[in-house]
Amino acid sequence: MTSGGGHRSYPVAATTSAFRPKTEDKIKRCPWPGDDLLYVSYHDREWGVPEYDSRALYEKLVLDGFQAGLAWITILRKRENFRRAFDGFDPDKIARYGARDVNRLLKNEGIVRSRAKIEAAIKGARLWLDIEEKEAGGFSQLIWKHVDGVPRINRFRSVKQIPAQTAMSEALAKELKRYGFSFCGPVIVYAFAQAVGMVNDHLVGCFRHSECARGRE
């Protein structure tokens, strides 16, 4: 598993200090978080919850791009560092980044220091602003139209049944690349779609499957 209703933004932090996972007898969840408390928190509170906020969608797409070639838990552990380094993923601010900012980010040991991914994030902010200004419904509509604006509820019983990519993610990846986005191939885009609730890929035996299907955060 990679990265793993209503409008919402990602919480300020996926901290573990205030989080206590459900421990009732017979509680079942998807197996991929294992026993890592941060990963379990992400699974129980964020993954698969429909996200319609355009800025939050930009943030998640950028983070999934940084994940390319890495495990999602690596990015999750660095997410707060990314948020501090990238001005809270404010596209207006990131779009104005220049060479000095790129060099600053390349020296930041708290993030993934890839020039190509950093430059892709900056370019993505500029593309995001253009889409928000010119396209009806903005970035959120561009993303969500690929599932007709409504989450697709899958009913997988094993992680082996969950695809790495689908026709939907291929079409969305193609459109994002047409606009000029990078690090958004169909596999990355499907992981993105899972995380932001475009598809509900919690296993049917997981307690979050029904909660996300009902739009419960």
C-alpha atoms as a PDB file:
ATOM      1  CA  MET A   1       0.000   0.000   0.000  1.00  0.00           C
ATOM      2  CA  THR A   2       1.388   3.405  -0.911  1.00  0.00           C
ATOM      3  CA  SER A   3      -0.413   6.473   0.282  1.00  0.00           C
ATOM      4  CA  GLY A   4      -2.513   5.547   1.201  1.00  0.00           C
ATOM      5  CA  GLY A   5     -18.037  13.474   2.585  1.00  0.00           C
ATOM      6  CA  GLY A   6     -17.849  17.025   2.663  1.00  0.00           C
ATOM      7  CA  HIS A   7     -15.194  19.655   2.432  1.00  0.00           C
ATOM      8  CA  ARG A   8     -12.244  19.328   4.770  1.00  0.00           C
ATOM      9  CA  SER A   9      -8.532  20.056   4.867  1.00  0.00           C
ATOM     10  CA  TYR A  10      -5.810  17.802   6.144  1.00  0.00           C
ATOM     11  CA  PRO A  11      -5.264  18.250   9.860  1.00  0.00           C
ATOM     12  CA  VAL A  12      -2.439  20.556  10.859  1.00  0.00           C
ATOM     13  CA  ALA A  13      -0.434  17.564  11.991  1.00  0.00           C
ATOM     14  CA  ALA A  14      -0.784  13.820  12.172  1.00  0.00           C
ATOM     15  CA  THR A  15       0.704  13.745  15.628  1.00  0.00           C
ATOM     16  CA  THR A  16       0.599  10.702  17.850  1.00  0.00           C
ATOM     17  CA  SER A  17       0.474  12.526  21.200  1.00  0.00           C
ATOM     18  CA  ALA A  18      -3.313  12.984  21.211  1.00  0.00           C
ATOM     19  CA  PHE A  19      -4.141   9.935  19.104  1.00  0.00           C
ATOM     20  CA  ARG A  20      -5.230   6.681  20.664  1.00  0.00           C
ATOM     21  CA  PRO A  21      -6.103   3.957  18.159  1.00  0.00           C
ATOM     22  CA  LYS A  22      -9.250   1.949  18.608  1.00  0.00           C
ATOM     23  CA  THR A  23      -8.363  -1.134  20.609  1.00  0.00           C
ATOM     24  CA  GLU A  24     -11.741  -2.739  21.195  1.00  0.00           C
ATOM     25  CA  ASP A  25     -11.807  -6.505  20.963  1.00  0.00           C
ATOM     26  CA  LYS A  26     -12.097  -7.741  17.394  1.00  0.00           C
ATOM     27  CA  ILE A  27     -11.493  -4.271  15.880  1.00  0.00           C
ATOM     28  CA  LYS A  28     -10.178  -4.803  12.381  1.00  0.00           C
ATOM     29  CA  ARG A  29      -8.295  -2.448  10.088  1.00  0.00           C
ATOM     30  CA  CYS A  30      -6.339  -2.719   6.864  1.00  0.00           C
ATOM     31  CA  PRO A  31      -3.053  -4.553   7.509  1.00  0.00           C
ATOM     32  CA  TRP A  32      -0.669  -2.061   5.887  1.00  0.00           C
ATOM     33  CA  PRO A  33      -0.239   0.370   8.845  1.00  0.00           C
ATOM     34  CA  GLY A  34       1.143  -2.449  10.998  1.00  0.00           C
ATOM     35  CA  ASP A  35       1.858  -1.322  14.572  1.00  0.00           C
ATOM     36  CA  ASP A  36       3.361   2.062  13.677  1.00  0.00           C
ATOM     37  CA  LEU A  37       1.287   4.572  15.652  1.00  0.00           C
ATOM     38  CA  LEU A  38       1.768   7.386  13.120  1.00  0.00           C
ATOM     39  CA  TYR A  39       0.746   5.103  10.267  1.00  0.00           C
ATOM     40  CA  VAL A  40      -2.250   3.796  12.226  1.00  0.00           C
ATOM     41  CA  SER A  41      -3.307   7.383  12.967  1.00  0.00           C
ATOM     42  CA  TYR A  42      -3.078   8.261   9.287  1.00  0.00           C
ATOM     43  CA  HIS A  43      -5.129   5.180   8.375  1.00  0.00           C
ATOM     44  CA  ASP A  44      -7.769   5.796  11.033  1.00  0.00           C
ATOM     45  CA  ARG A  45      -8.153   9.559  10.572  1.00  0.00           C
ATOM     46  CA  GLU A  46      -7.207  10.552   7.037  1.00  0.00           C
ATOM     47  CA  TRP A  47      -6.745   7.833   4.436  1.00  0.00           C
ATOM     48  CA  GLY A  48      -9.814   7.419   2.284  1.00  0.00           C
ATOM     49  CA  VAL A  49     -11.734  10.406   3.669  1.00  0.00           C
ATOM     50  CA  PRO A  50     -13.118  12.410   0.701  1.00  0.00           C
ATOM     51  CA  GLU A  51     -11.112  15.608   0.286  1.00  0.00           C
ATOM     52  CA  TYR A  52     -12.528  18.345  -1.934  1.00  0.00           C
ATOM     53  CA  ASP A  53     -10.426  21.303  -0.841  1.00  0.00           C
ATOM     54  CA  SER A  54      -8.266  22.424  -3.783  1.00  0.00           C
ATOM     55  CA  ARG A  55      -5.296  23.502  -1.675  1.00  0.00           C
ATOM     56  CA  ALA A  56      -5.265  20.269   0.309  1.00  0.00           C
ATOM     57  CA  LEU A  57      -5.435  18.298  -2.946  1.00  0.00           C
ATOM     58  CA  TYR A  58      -2.410  20.210  -4.244  1.00  0.00           C
ATOM     59  CA  GLU A  59      -0.509  19.386  -1.048  1.00  0.00           C
ATOM     60  CA  LYS A  60      -1.307  15.692  -1.281  1.00  0.00           C
ATOM     61  CA  LEU A  61      -0.387  15.507  -4.955  1.00  0.00           C
ATOM     62  CA  VAL A  62       2.968  17.166  -4.229  1.00  0.00           C
ATOM     63  CA  LEU A  63       3.692  14.814  -1.334  1.00  0.00           C
ATOM     64  CA  ASP A  64       2.788  11.803  -3.432  1.00  0.00           C
ATOM     65  CA  GLY A  65       5.188  13.110  -6.066  1.00  0.00           C
ATOM     66  CA  PHE A  66       7.945  13.299  -3.462  1.00  0.00           C
ATOM     67  CA  GLN A  67       7.104   9.724  -2.521  1.00  0.00           C
ATOM     68  CA  ALA A  68       8.087   8.427  -5.978  1.00  0.00           C
ATOM     69  CA  GLY A  69      10.647   5.680  -5.393  1.00  0.00           C
ATOM     70  CA  LEU A  70      10.150   5.793  -1.626  1.00  0.00           C
ATOM     71  CA  ALA A  71       7.751   4.361   0.960  1.00  0.00           C
ATOM     72  CA  TRP A  72       4.815   6.557   1.966  1.00  0.00           C
ATOM     73  CA  ILE A  73       5.694   6.243   5.648  1.00  0.00           C
ATOM     74  CA  THR A  74       8.977   8.020   4.854  1.00  0.00           C
ATOM     75  CA  ILE A  75       7.036  11.021   3.545  1.00  0.00           C
ATOM     76  CA  LEU A  76       4.505  10.857   6.366  1.00  0.00           C
ATOM     77  CA  ARG A  77       7.269  11.088   8.950  1.00  0.00           C
ATOM     78  CA  LYS A  78       8.643  14.142   7.169  1.00  0.00           C
ATOM     79  CA  ARG A  79       5.283  15.774   6.419  1.00  0.00           C
ATOM     80  CA  GLU A  80       5.503  18.475   9.075  1.00  0.00           C
ATOM     81  CA  ASN A  81       9.007  19.309   7.866  1.00  0.00           C
ATOM     82  CA  PHE A  82       7.640  19.607   4.333  1.00  0.00           C
ATOM     83  CA  ARG A  83       4.847  21.891   5.521  1.00  0.00           C
ATOM     84  CA  ARG A  84       7.271  24.199   7.296  1.00  0.00           C
ATOM     85  CA  ALA A  85       9.690  24.208   4.380  1.00  0.00           C
ATOM     86  CA  PHE A  86       6.985  24.878   1.779  1.00  0.00           C
ATOM     87  CA  ASP A  87       5.096  27.645   3.609  1.00  0.00           C
ATOM     88  CA  GLY A  88       2.213  25.393   4.591  1.00  0.00           C
ATOM     89  CA  PHE A  89       1.810  24.347   0.961  1.00  0.00           C
ATOM     90  CA  ASP A  90       0.352  27.748   0.112  1.00  0.00           C
ATOM     91  CA  PRO A  91       0.403  27.752  -3.719  1.00  0.00           C
ATOM     92  CA  ASP A  92       0.439  31.567  -3.842  1.00  0.00           C
ATOM     93  CA  LYS A  93       3.718  31.627  -1.917  1.00  0.00           C
ATOM     94  CA  ILE A  94       5.290  28.599  -3.566  1.00  0.00           C
ATOM     95  CA  ALA A  95       4.548  29.932  -7.051  1.00  0.00           C
ATOM     96  CA  ARG A  96       6.876  32.862  -6.277  1.00  0.00           C
ATOM     97  CA  TYR A  97       9.805  30.645  -5.273  1.00  0.00           C
ATOM     98  CA  GLY A  98      13.034  31.312  -7.125  1.00  0.00           C
ATOM     99  CA  ALA A  99      16.557  29.932  -7.232  1.00  0.00           C
ATOM    100  CA  ARG A 100      17.274  31.026  -3.651  1.00  0.00           C
ATOM    101  CA  ASP A 101      14.286  29.034  -2.385  1.00  0.00           C
ATOM    102  CA  VAL A 102      15.300  25.977  -4.392  1.00  0.00           C
ATOM    103  CA  ASN A 103      18.776  26.121  -2.859  1.00  0.00           C
ATOM    104  CA  ARG A 104      17.246  26.587   0.601  1.00  0.00           C
ATOM    105  CA  LEU A 105      15.122  23.490   0.147  1.00  0.00           C
ATOM    106  CA  LEU A 106      18.036  21.465  -1.202  1.00  0.00           C
ATOM    107  CA  LYS A 107      19.868  22.147   2.067  1.00  0.00           C
ATOM    108  CA  ASN A 108      16.914  21.126   4.239  1.00  0.00           C
ATOM    109  CA  GLU A 109      17.689  17.707   5.720  1.00  0.00           C
ATOM    110  CA  GLY A 110      14.118  17.363   6.986  1.00  0.00           C
ATOM    111  CA  ILE A 111      12.644  16.829   3.516  1.00  0.00           C
ATOM    112  CA  VAL A 112      13.450  14.766   0.429  1.00  0.00           C
ATOM    113  CA  ARG A 113      16.151  16.804  -1.253  1.00  0.00           C
ATOM    114  CA  SER A 114      15.453  16.146  -4.914  1.00  0.00           C
ATOM    115  CA  ARG A 115      15.885  19.128  -7.227  1.00  0.00           C
ATOM    116  CA  ALA A 116      13.551  17.633  -9.813  1.00  0.00           C
ATOM    117  CA  LYS A 117      10.776  17.068  -7.248  1.00  0.00           C
ATOM    118  CA  ILE A 118      11.247  20.492  -5.659  1.00  0.00           C
ATOM    119  CA  GLU A 119      11.052  22.206  -9.032  1.00  0.00           C
ATOM    120  CA  ALA A 120       7.997  20.089  -9.904  1.00  0.00           C
ATOM    121  CA  ALA A 121       6.269  21.298  -6.720  1.00  0.00           C
ATOM    122  CA  ILE A 122       6.976  24.928  -7.615  1.00  0.00           C
ATOM    123  CA  LYS A 123       5.774  24.471 -11.173  1.00  0.00           C
ATOM    124  CA  GLY A 124       2.725  22.658  -9.835  1.00  0.00           C
ATOM    125  CA  ALA A 125       1.846  25.669  -7.653  1.00  0.00           C
ATOM    126  CA  ARG A 126       1.901  27.925 -10.707  1.00  0.00           C
ATOM    127  CA  LEU A 127      -0.235  25.478 -12.660  1.00  0.00           C
ATOM    128  CA  TRP A 128      -2.625  25.224  -9.699  1.00  0.00           C
ATOM    129  CA  LEU A 129      -3.085  29.006  -9.628  1.00  0.00           C
ATOM    130  CA  ASP A 130      -3.766  29.069 -13.355  1.00  0.00           C
ATOM    131  CA  ILE A 131      -6.330  26.271 -13.072  1.00  0.00           C
ATOM    132  CA  GLU A 132      -8.030  27.918 -10.097  1.00  0.00           C
ATOM    133  CA  GLU A 133      -8.335  31.154 -12.073  1.00  0.00           C
ATOM    134  CA  LYS A 134      -9.371  29.809 -15.451  1.00  0.00           C
ATOM    135  CA  GLU A 135     -11.143  26.479 -14.950  1.00  0.00           C
ATOM    136  CA  ALA A 136     -14.720  26.168 -13.707  1.00  0.00           C
ATOM    137  CA  GLY A 137     -14.620  24.470 -10.326  1.00  0.00           C
ATOM    138  CA  GLY A 138     -10.867  24.909 -10.101  1.00  0.00           C
ATOM    139  CA  PHE A 139      -8.376  22.181  -9.238  1.00  0.00           C
ATOM    140  CA  SER A 140     -10.881  20.220  -7.181  1.00  0.00           C
ATOM    141  CA  GLN A 141     -13.231  19.875 -10.140  1.00  0.00           C
ATOM    142  CA  LEU A 142     -10.365  18.848 -12.412  1.00  0.00           C
ATOM    143  CA  ILE A 143      -9.547  16.022  -9.992  1.00  0.00           C
ATOM    144  CA  TRP A 144     -12.993  14.891  -8.907  1.00  0.00           C
ATOM    145  CA  LYS A 145     -14.636  14.878 -12.329  1.00  0.00           C
ATOM    146  CA  HIS A 146     -12.755  11.651 -12.993  1.00  0.00           C
ATOM    147  CA  VAL A 147     -15.090   9.887 -10.540  1.00  0.00           C
ATOM    148  CA  ASP A 148     -18.080  12.104 -11.347  1.00  0.00           C
ATOM    149  CA  GLY A 149     -17.583  13.972  -8.093  1.00  0.00           C
ATOM    150  CA  VAL A 150     -18.556  10.974  -5.956  1.00  0.00           C
ATOM    151  CA  PRO A 151     -16.256   8.448  -4.243  1.00  0.00           C
ATOM    152  CA  ARG A 152     -16.178   4.999  -5.760  1.00  0.00           C
ATOM    153  CA  ILE A 153     -16.816   2.430  -3.063  1.00  0.00           C
ATOM    154  CA  ASN A 154     -14.810  -0.722  -3.700  1.00  0.00           C
ATOM    155  CA  ARG A 155     -15.323  -3.934  -1.799  1.00  0.00           C
ATOM    156  CA  PHE A 156     -11.936  -5.593  -1.708  1.00  0.00           C
ATOM    157  CA  ARG A 157     -11.393  -8.339   0.840  1.00  0.00           C
ATOM    158  CA  SER A 158      -7.628  -8.681   0.409  1.00  0.00           C
ATOM    159  CA  VAL A 159      -4.824  -6.248  -0.374  1.00  0.00           C
ATOM    160  CA  LYS A 160      -3.947  -8.573  -3.236  1.00  0.00           C
ATOM    161  CA  GLN A 161      -7.182  -7.499  -4.944  1.00  0.00           C
ATOM    162  CA  ILE A 162      -6.368  -3.796  -4.842  1.00  0.00           C
ATOM    163  CA  PRO A 163      -4.984  -2.558  -8.177  1.00  0.00           C
ATOM    164  CA  ALA A 164      -1.860  -0.432  -8.518  1.00  0.00           C
ATOM    165  CA  GLN A 165      -3.562   1.653 -11.185  1.00  0.00           C
ATOM    166  CA  THR A 166      -6.856   1.810 -13.034  1.00  0.00           C
ATOM    167  CA  ALA A 167      -8.329   3.343 -16.168  1.00  0.00           C
ATOM    168  CA  MET A 168      -9.439   6.258 -13.988  1.00  0.00           C
ATOM    169  CA  SER A 169      -5.929   6.923 -12.651  1.00  0.00           C
ATOM    170  CA  GLU A 170      -4.500   6.599 -16.145  1.00  0.00           C
ATOM    171  CA  ALA A 171      -6.933   9.203 -17.459  1.00  0.00           C
ATOM    172  CA  LEU A 172      -6.287  11.579 -14.551  1.00  0.00           C
ATOM    173  CA  ALA A 173      -2.518  11.160 -14.856  1.00  0.00           C
ATOM    174  CA  LYS A 174      -2.741  11.908 -18.565  1.00  0.00           C
ATOM    175  CA  GLU A 175      -4.730  15.071 -17.928  1.00  0.00           C
ATOM    176  CA  LEU A 176      -2.377  16.276 -15.186  1.00  0.00           C
ATOM    177  CA  LYS A 177       0.604  15.742 -17.466  1.00  0.00           C
ATOM    178  CA  ARG A 178      -1.207  17.613 -20.247  1.00  0.00           C
ATOM    179  CA  TYR A 179      -1.443  20.606 -17.919  1.00  0.00           C
ATOM    180  CA  GLY A 180       2.270  20.286 -17.157  1.00  0.00           C
ATOM    181  CA  PHE A 181       2.401  18.480 -13.807  1.00  0.00           C
ATOM    182  CA  SER A 182       5.263  16.074 -13.120  1.00  0.00           C
ATOM    183  CA  PHE A 183       5.693  12.978 -10.927  1.00  0.00           C
ATOM    184  CA  CYS A 184       2.062  12.059 -11.494  1.00  0.00           C
ATOM    185  CA  GLY A 185       2.055   8.746 -13.311  1.00  0.00           C
ATOM    186  CA  PRO A 186      -0.975   6.452 -13.050  1.00  0.00           C
ATOM    187  CA  VAL A 187       0.414   4.481 -10.072  1.00  0.00           C
ATOM    188  CA  ILE A 188       1.152   7.645  -8.062  1.00  0.00           C
ATOM    189  CA  VAL A 189      -2.207   9.073  -9.068  1.00  0.00           C
ATOM    190  CA  TYR A 190      -4.054   5.958  -7.912  1.00  0.00           C
ATOM    191  CA  ALA A 191      -2.333   6.162  -4.526  1.00  0.00           C
ATOM    192  CA  PHE A 192      -3.380   9.817  -4.434  1.00  0.00           C
ATOM    193  CA  ALA A 193      -6.966   8.867  -5.312  1.00  0.00           C
ATOM    194  CA  GLN A 194      -7.035   6.301  -2.504  1.00  0.00           C
ATOM    195  CA  ALA A 195      -5.724   8.788   0.025  1.00  0.00           C
ATOM    196  CA  VAL A 196      -8.124  11.622  -0.834  1.00  0.00           C
ATOM    197  CA  GLY A 197     -11.158   9.355  -0.932  1.00  0.00           C
ATOM    198  CA  MET A 198     -11.857   9.336  -4.651  1.00  0.00           C
ATOM    199  CA  VAL A 199     -11.913   5.580  -4.188  1.00  0.00           C
ATOM    200  CA  ASN A 200     -12.627   3.772  -0.947  1.00  0.00           C
ATOM    201  CA  ASP A 201     -10.034   1.019  -0.863  1.00  0.00           C
ATOM    202  CA  HIS A 202     -10.282   0.175   2.803  1.00  0.00           C
ATOM    203  CA  LEU A 203     -10.859  -3.564   2.927  1.00  0.00           C
ATOM    204  CA  VAL A 204     -14.480  -4.465   3.646  1.00  0.00           C
ATOM    205  CA  GLY A 205     -13.388  -6.022   6.919  1.00  0.00           C
ATOM    206  CA  CYS A 206     -11.782  -2.768   8.068  1.00  0.00           C
ATOM    207  CA  PHE A 207     -13.854  -0.598  10.421  1.00  0.00           C
ATOM    208  CA  ARG A 208     -13.002   2.446   8.290  1.00  0.00           C
ATOM    209  CA  HIS A 209     -14.592   1.065   5.126  1.00  0.00           C
ATOM    210  CA  SER A 210     -18.144   1.718   6.294  1.00  0.00           C
ATOM    211  CA  GLU A 211     -17.194   4.948   8.073  1.00  0.00           C
ATOM    212  CA  CYS A 212     -15.635   6.452   4.957  1.00  0.00           C
ATOM    213  CA  ALA A 213     -18.529   5.179   2.834  1.00  0.00           C
ATOM    214  CA  ARG A 214     -20.888   7.102   5.117  1.00  0.00           C
ATOM    215  CA  GLY A 215     -18.707  10.186   4.895  1.00  0.00           C
ATOM    216  CA  ARG A 216     -17.654   9.918   8.524  1.00  0.00           C
ATOM    217  CA  GLU A 217     -14.200  11.330   9.252  1.00  0.00           C
END
